[in-house]
Amino acid sequence: MESVPEVISEILECYGCLDVLIFNSSMKVKAPVQCLSLEMDRIVMDVNYFGPITLVK
């Protein structure tokens, strides 16, 4: 997530604008929820929720 502003700046510098943004990443953990650590929950939320929200903003 820390590199998002840098990547966006690079895209804008190279192309001038960003016309389309395709969210094509997600993460799924195949395990019972009670077996997942809080750290794994955070990783899944970072990828599946905060990643797209950060890019949109």
PDB file of N, CA and C in Angstrom:
ATOM      1  N   MET A   1       0.809  -1.197   0.000  1.00  0.00           N
ATOM      2  CA  MET A   1       0.000   0.000   0.000  1.00  0.00           C
ATOM      3  C   MET A   1       0.853   1.261   0.000  1.00  0.00           C
ATOM      4  N   GLU A   2       2.029   1.160   0.582  1.00  0.00           N
ATOM      5  CA  GLU A   2       2.887   2.337   0.685  1.00  0.00           C
ATOM      6  C   GLU A   2       3.337   2.832  -0.683  1.00  0.00           C
ATOM      7  N   SER A   3       3.406   1.942  -1.663  1.00  0.00           N
ATOM      8  CA  SER A   3       3.924   2.313  -2.978  1.00  0.00           C
ATOM      9  C   SER A   3       2.848   2.859  -3.915  1.00  0.00           C
ATOM     10  N   VAL A   4       1.588   2.853  -3.507  1.00  0.00           N
ATOM     11  CA  VAL A   4       0.501   3.289  -4.388  1.00  0.00           C
ATOM     12  C   VAL A   4       0.696   4.722  -4.887  1.00  0.00           C
ATOM     13  N   PRO A   5       0.957   5.707  -4.039  1.00  0.00           N
ATOM     14  CA  PRO A   5       1.154   7.072  -4.560  1.00  0.00           C
ATOM     15  C   PRO A   5       2.296   7.162  -5.573  1.00  0.00           C
ATOM     16  N   GLU A   6       3.347   6.428  -5.323  1.00  0.00           N
ATOM     17  CA  GLU A   6       4.494   6.422  -6.238  1.00  0.00           C
ATOM     18  C   GLU A   6       4.102   5.833  -7.595  1.00  0.00           C
ATOM     19  N   VAL A   7       3.365   4.751  -7.581  1.00  0.00           N
ATOM     20  CA  VAL A   7       2.931   4.100  -8.822  1.00  0.00           C
ATOM     21  C   VAL A   7       1.989   5.016  -9.599  1.00  0.00           C
ATOM     22  N   ILE A   8       1.042   5.630  -8.911  1.00  0.00           N
ATOM     23  CA  ILE A   8       0.107   6.548  -9.570  1.00  0.00           C
ATOM     24  C   ILE A   8       0.861   7.722 -10.191  1.00  0.00           C
ATOM     25  N   SER A   9       1.821   8.274  -9.485  1.00  0.00           N
ATOM     26  CA  SER A   9       2.631   9.375 -10.025  1.00  0.00           C
ATOM     27  C   SER A   9       3.369   8.950 -11.280  1.00  0.00           C
ATOM     28  N   GLU A  10       3.909   7.750 -11.260  1.00  0.00           N
ATOM     29  CA  GLU A  10       4.633   7.230 -12.421  1.00  0.00           C
ATOM     30  C   GLU A  10       3.697   7.063 -13.621  1.00  0.00           C
ATOM     31  N   ILE A  11       2.497   6.554 -13.384  1.00  0.00           N
ATOM     32  CA  ILE A  11       1.513   6.389 -14.462  1.00  0.00           C
ATOM     33  C   ILE A  11       1.141   7.750 -15.040  1.00  0.00           C
ATOM     34  N   LEU A  12       0.862   8.711 -14.175  1.00  0.00           N
ATOM     35  CA  LEU A  12       0.474  10.041 -14.645  1.00  0.00           C
ATOM     36  C   LEU A  12       1.603  10.727 -15.397  1.00  0.00           C
ATOM     37  N   GLU A  13       2.822  10.535 -14.941  1.00  0.00           N
ATOM     38  CA  GLU A  13       3.979  11.119 -15.622  1.00  0.00           C
ATOM     39  C   GLU A  13       4.155  10.512 -17.011  1.00  0.00           C
ATOM     40  N   CYS A  14       3.943   9.226 -17.111  1.00  0.00           N
ATOM     41  CA  CYS A  14       4.150   8.517 -18.378  1.00  0.00           C
ATOM     42  C   CYS A  14       3.000   8.747 -19.367  1.00  0.00           C
ATOM     43  N   TYR A  15       1.755   8.665 -18.885  1.00  0.00           N
ATOM     44  CA  TYR A  15       0.595   8.691 -19.774  1.00  0.00           C
ATOM     45  C   TYR A  15      -0.254   9.958 -19.676  1.00  0.00           C
ATOM     46  N   GLY A  16      -0.048  10.747 -18.638  1.00  0.00           N
ATOM     47  CA  GLY A  16      -0.802  11.986 -18.493  1.00  0.00           C
ATOM     48  C   GLY A  16      -2.114  11.862 -17.744  1.00  0.00           C
ATOM     49  N   CYS A  17      -2.747  10.710 -17.819  1.00  0.00           N
ATOM     50  CA  CYS A  17      -4.001  10.503 -17.098  1.00  0.00           C
ATOM     51  C   CYS A  17      -4.235   9.005 -16.916  1.00  0.00           C
ATOM     52  N   LEU A  18      -5.221   8.703 -16.130  1.00  0.00           N
ATOM     53  CA  LEU A  18      -5.608   7.313 -15.884  1.00  0.00           C
ATOM     54  C   LEU A  18      -7.075   7.196 -16.270  1.00  0.00           C
ATOM     55  N   ASP A  19      -7.356   6.550 -17.401  1.00  0.00           N
ATOM     56  CA  ASP A  19      -8.720   6.460 -17.920  1.00  0.00           C
ATOM     57  C   ASP A  19      -9.512   5.298 -17.328  1.00  0.00           C
ATOM     58  N   VAL A  20      -8.848   4.171 -17.128  1.00  0.00           N
ATOM     59  CA  VAL A  20      -9.537   2.959 -16.680  1.00  0.00           C
ATOM     60  C   VAL A  20      -8.731   2.315 -15.569  1.00  0.00           C
ATOM     61  N   LEU A  21      -9.430   1.847 -14.557  1.00  0.00           N
ATOM     62  CA  LEU A  21      -8.784   1.136 -13.460  1.00  0.00           C
ATOM     63  C   LEU A  21      -9.517  -0.188 -13.282  1.00  0.00           C
ATOM     64  N   ILE A  22      -8.822  -1.281 -13.504  1.00  0.00           N
ATOM     65  CA  ILE A  22      -9.415  -2.614 -13.383  1.00  0.00           C
ATOM     66  C   ILE A  22      -8.880  -3.268 -12.122  1.00  0.00           C
ATOM     67  N   PHE A  23      -9.791  -3.625 -11.230  1.00  0.00           N
ATOM     68  CA  PHE A  23      -9.408  -4.318  -9.999  1.00  0.00           C
ATOM     69  C   PHE A  23      -9.376  -5.803 -10.295  1.00  0.00           C
ATOM     70  N   ASN A  24      -8.186  -6.349 -10.364  1.00  0.00           N
ATOM     71  CA  ASN A  24      -8.058  -7.747 -10.744  1.00  0.00           C
ATOM     72  C   ASN A  24      -7.186  -8.501  -9.749  1.00  0.00           C
ATOM     73  N   SER A  25      -7.394  -8.233  -8.491  1.00  0.00           N
ATOM     74  CA  SER A  25      -6.664  -9.002  -7.491  1.00  0.00           C
ATOM     75  C   SER A  25      -7.589  -9.269  -6.318  1.00  0.00           C
ATOM     76  N   SER A  26      -7.410 -10.405  -5.745  1.00  0.00           N
ATOM     77  CA  SER A  26      -8.148 -10.749  -4.532  1.00  0.00           C
ATOM     78  C   SER A  26      -7.413 -11.888  -3.856  1.00  0.00           C
ATOM     79  N   MET A  27      -7.822 -12.145  -2.656  1.00  0.00           N
ATOM     80  CA  MET A  27      -7.165 -13.192  -1.880  1.00  0.00           C
ATOM     81  C   MET A  27      -8.233 -13.986  -1.155  1.00  0.00           C
ATOM     82  N   LYS A  28      -8.076 -15.287  -1.166  1.00  0.00           N
ATOM     83  CA  LYS A  28      -9.014 -16.172  -0.485  1.00  0.00           C
ATOM     84  C   LYS A  28      -8.209 -17.154   0.352  1.00  0.00           C
ATOM     85  N   VAL A  29      -8.624 -17.329   1.578  1.00  0.00           N
ATOM     86  CA  VAL A  29      -7.967 -18.294   2.455  1.00  0.00           C
ATOM     87  C   VAL A  29      -8.956 -19.426   2.686  1.00  0.00           C
ATOM     88  N   LYS A  30      -8.537 -20.612   2.346  1.00  0.00           N
ATOM     89  CA  LYS A  30      -9.423 -21.767   2.460  1.00  0.00           C
ATOM     90  C   LYS A  30      -9.183 -22.454   3.804  1.00  0.00           C
ATOM     91  N   ALA A  31      -9.871 -21.960   4.823  1.00  0.00           N
ATOM     92  CA  ALA A  31      -9.753 -22.515   6.170  1.00  0.00           C
ATOM     93  C   ALA A  31     -10.937 -22.020   6.987  1.00  0.00           C
ATOM     94  N   PRO A  32     -11.316 -22.755   8.009  1.00  0.00           N
ATOM     95  CA  PRO A  32     -12.373 -22.263   8.902  1.00  0.00           C
ATOM     96  C   PRO A  32     -11.943 -20.946   9.546  1.00  0.00           C
ATOM     97  N   VAL A  33     -12.879 -20.032   9.674  1.00  0.00           N
ATOM     98  CA  VAL A  33     -12.560 -18.700  10.184  1.00  0.00           C
ATOM     99  C   VAL A  33     -11.911 -18.750  11.565  1.00  0.00           C
ATOM    100  N   GLN A  34     -12.296 -19.691  12.387  1.00  0.00           N
ATOM    101  CA  GLN A  34     -11.712 -19.777  13.731  1.00  0.00           C
ATOM    102  C   GLN A  34     -10.248 -20.213  13.700  1.00  0.00           C
ATOM    103  N   CYS A  35      -9.795 -20.720  12.567  1.00  0.00           N
ATOM    104  CA  CYS A  35      -8.392 -21.142  12.442  1.00  0.00           C
ATOM    105  C   CYS A  35      -7.483 -20.023  11.920  1.00  0.00           C
ATOM    106  N   LEU A  36      -8.073 -18.933  11.471  1.00  0.00           N
ATOM    107  CA  LEU A  36      -7.285 -17.850  10.891  1.00  0.00           C
ATOM    108  C   LEU A  36      -6.782 -16.901  11.967  1.00  0.00           C
ATOM    109  N   SER A  37      -5.555 -16.483  11.812  1.00  0.00           N
ATOM    110  CA  SER A  37      -4.983 -15.510  12.747  1.00  0.00           C
ATOM    111  C   SER A  37      -5.491 -14.111  12.401  1.00  0.00           C
ATOM    112  N   LEU A  38      -5.382 -13.220  13.338  1.00  0.00           N
ATOM    113  CA  LEU A  38      -5.753 -11.831  13.112  1.00  0.00           C
ATOM    114  C   LEU A  38      -4.868 -11.210  12.032  1.00  0.00           C
ATOM    115  N   GLU A  39      -3.624 -11.616  11.989  1.00  0.00           N
ATOM    116  CA  GLU A  39      -2.698 -11.125  10.962  1.00  0.00           C
ATOM    117  C   GLU A  39      -3.176 -11.539   9.572  1.00  0.00           C
ATOM    118  N   MET A  40      -3.633 -12.771   9.425  1.00  0.00           N
ATOM    119  CA  MET A  40      -4.135 -13.230   8.126  1.00  0.00           C
ATOM    120  C   MET A  40      -5.400 -12.464   7.752  1.00  0.00           C
ATOM    121  N   ASP A  41      -6.264 -12.191   8.719  1.00  0.00           N
ATOM    122  CA  ASP A  41      -7.453 -11.371   8.458  1.00  0.00           C
ATOM    123  C   ASP A  41      -7.050 -10.003   7.930  1.00  0.00           C
ATOM    124  N   ARG A  42      -6.028  -9.408   8.514  1.00  0.00           N
ATOM    125  CA  ARG A  42      -5.559  -8.083   8.075  1.00  0.00           C
ATOM    126  C   ARG A  42      -5.008  -8.138   6.648  1.00  0.00           C
ATOM    127  N   ILE A  43      -4.275  -9.174   6.336  1.00  0.00           N
ATOM    128  CA  ILE A  43      -3.719  -9.319   4.985  1.00  0.00           C
ATOM    129  C   ILE A  43      -4.842  -9.435   3.963  1.00  0.00           C
ATOM    130  N   VAL A  44      -5.832 -10.269   4.257  1.00  0.00           N
ATOM    131  CA  VAL A  44      -6.970 -10.448   3.348  1.00  0.00           C
ATOM    132  C   VAL A  44      -7.716  -9.123   3.166  1.00  0.00           C
ATOM    133  N   MET A  45      -7.949  -8.398   4.245  1.00  0.00           N
ATOM    134  CA  MET A  45      -8.641  -7.106   4.149  1.00  0.00           C
ATOM    135  C   MET A  45      -7.812  -6.083   3.373  1.00  0.00           C
ATOM    136  N   ASP A  46      -6.505  -6.084   3.559  1.00  0.00           N
ATOM    137  CA  ASP A  46      -5.638  -5.175   2.803  1.00  0.00           C
ATOM    138  C   ASP A  46      -5.770  -5.419   1.307  1.00  0.00           C
ATOM    139  N   VAL A  47      -5.738  -6.673   0.908  1.00  0.00           N
ATOM    140  CA  VAL A  47      -5.798  -7.011  -0.519  1.00  0.00           C
ATOM    141  C   VAL A  47      -7.199  -6.792  -1.084  1.00  0.00           C
ATOM    142  N   ASN A  48      -8.212  -7.317  -0.410  1.00  0.00           N
ATOM    143  CA  ASN A  48      -9.564  -7.345  -0.968  1.00  0.00           C
ATOM    144  C   ASN A  48     -10.363  -6.063  -0.760  1.00  0.00           C
ATOM    145  N   TYR A  49     -10.088  -5.322   0.286  1.00  0.00           N
ATOM    146  CA  TYR A  49     -10.866  -4.113   0.565  1.00  0.00           C
ATOM    147  C   TYR A  49     -10.027  -2.842   0.433  1.00  0.00           C
ATOM    148  N   PHE A  50      -8.977  -2.755   1.220  1.00  0.00           N
ATOM    149  CA  PHE A  50      -8.211  -1.511   1.257  1.00  0.00           C
ATOM    150  C   PHE A  50      -7.430  -1.256  -0.029  1.00  0.00           C
ATOM    151  N   GLY A  51      -7.019  -2.294  -0.736  1.00  0.00           N
ATOM    152  CA  GLY A  51      -6.314  -2.110  -2.008  1.00  0.00           C
ATOM    153  C   GLY A  51      -7.150  -1.344  -3.015  1.00  0.00           C
ATOM    154  N   PRO A  52      -8.342  -1.849  -3.360  1.00  0.00           N
ATOM    155  CA  PRO A  52      -9.187  -1.122  -4.310  1.00  0.00           C
ATOM    156  C   PRO A  52      -9.608   0.263  -3.818  1.00  0.00           C
ATOM    157  N   ILE A  53      -9.948   0.384  -2.540  1.00  0.00           N
ATOM    158  CA  ILE A  53     -10.365   1.680  -2.001  1.00  0.00           C
ATOM    159  C   ILE A  53      -9.224   2.696  -2.108  1.00  0.00           C
ATOM    160  N   THR A  54      -8.015   2.263  -1.814  1.00  0.00           N
ATOM    161  CA  THR A  54      -6.852   3.148  -1.901  1.00  0.00           C
ATOM    162  C   THR A  54      -6.635   3.609  -3.336  1.00  0.00           C
ATOM    163  N   LEU A  55      -6.767   2.706  -4.297  1.00  0.00           N
ATOM    164  CA  LEU A  55      -6.573   3.077  -5.697  1.00  0.00           C
ATOM    165  C   LEU A  55      -7.651   4.036  -6.182  1.00  0.00           C
ATOM    166  N   VAL A  56      -8.880   3.844  -5.751  1.00  0.00           N
ATOM    167  CA  VAL A  56      -9.965   4.729  -6.168  1.00  0.00           C
ATOM    168  C   VAL A  56      -9.748   6.142  -5.647  1.00  0.00           C
ATOM    169  N   LYS A  57      -9.284   6.245  -4.413  1.00  0.00           N
ATOM    170  CA  LYS A  57      -9.077   7.573  -3.817  1.00  0.00           C
ATOM    171  C   LYS A  57      -7.904   8.262  -4.467  1.00  0.00           C
TER     172      LYS A  57
END
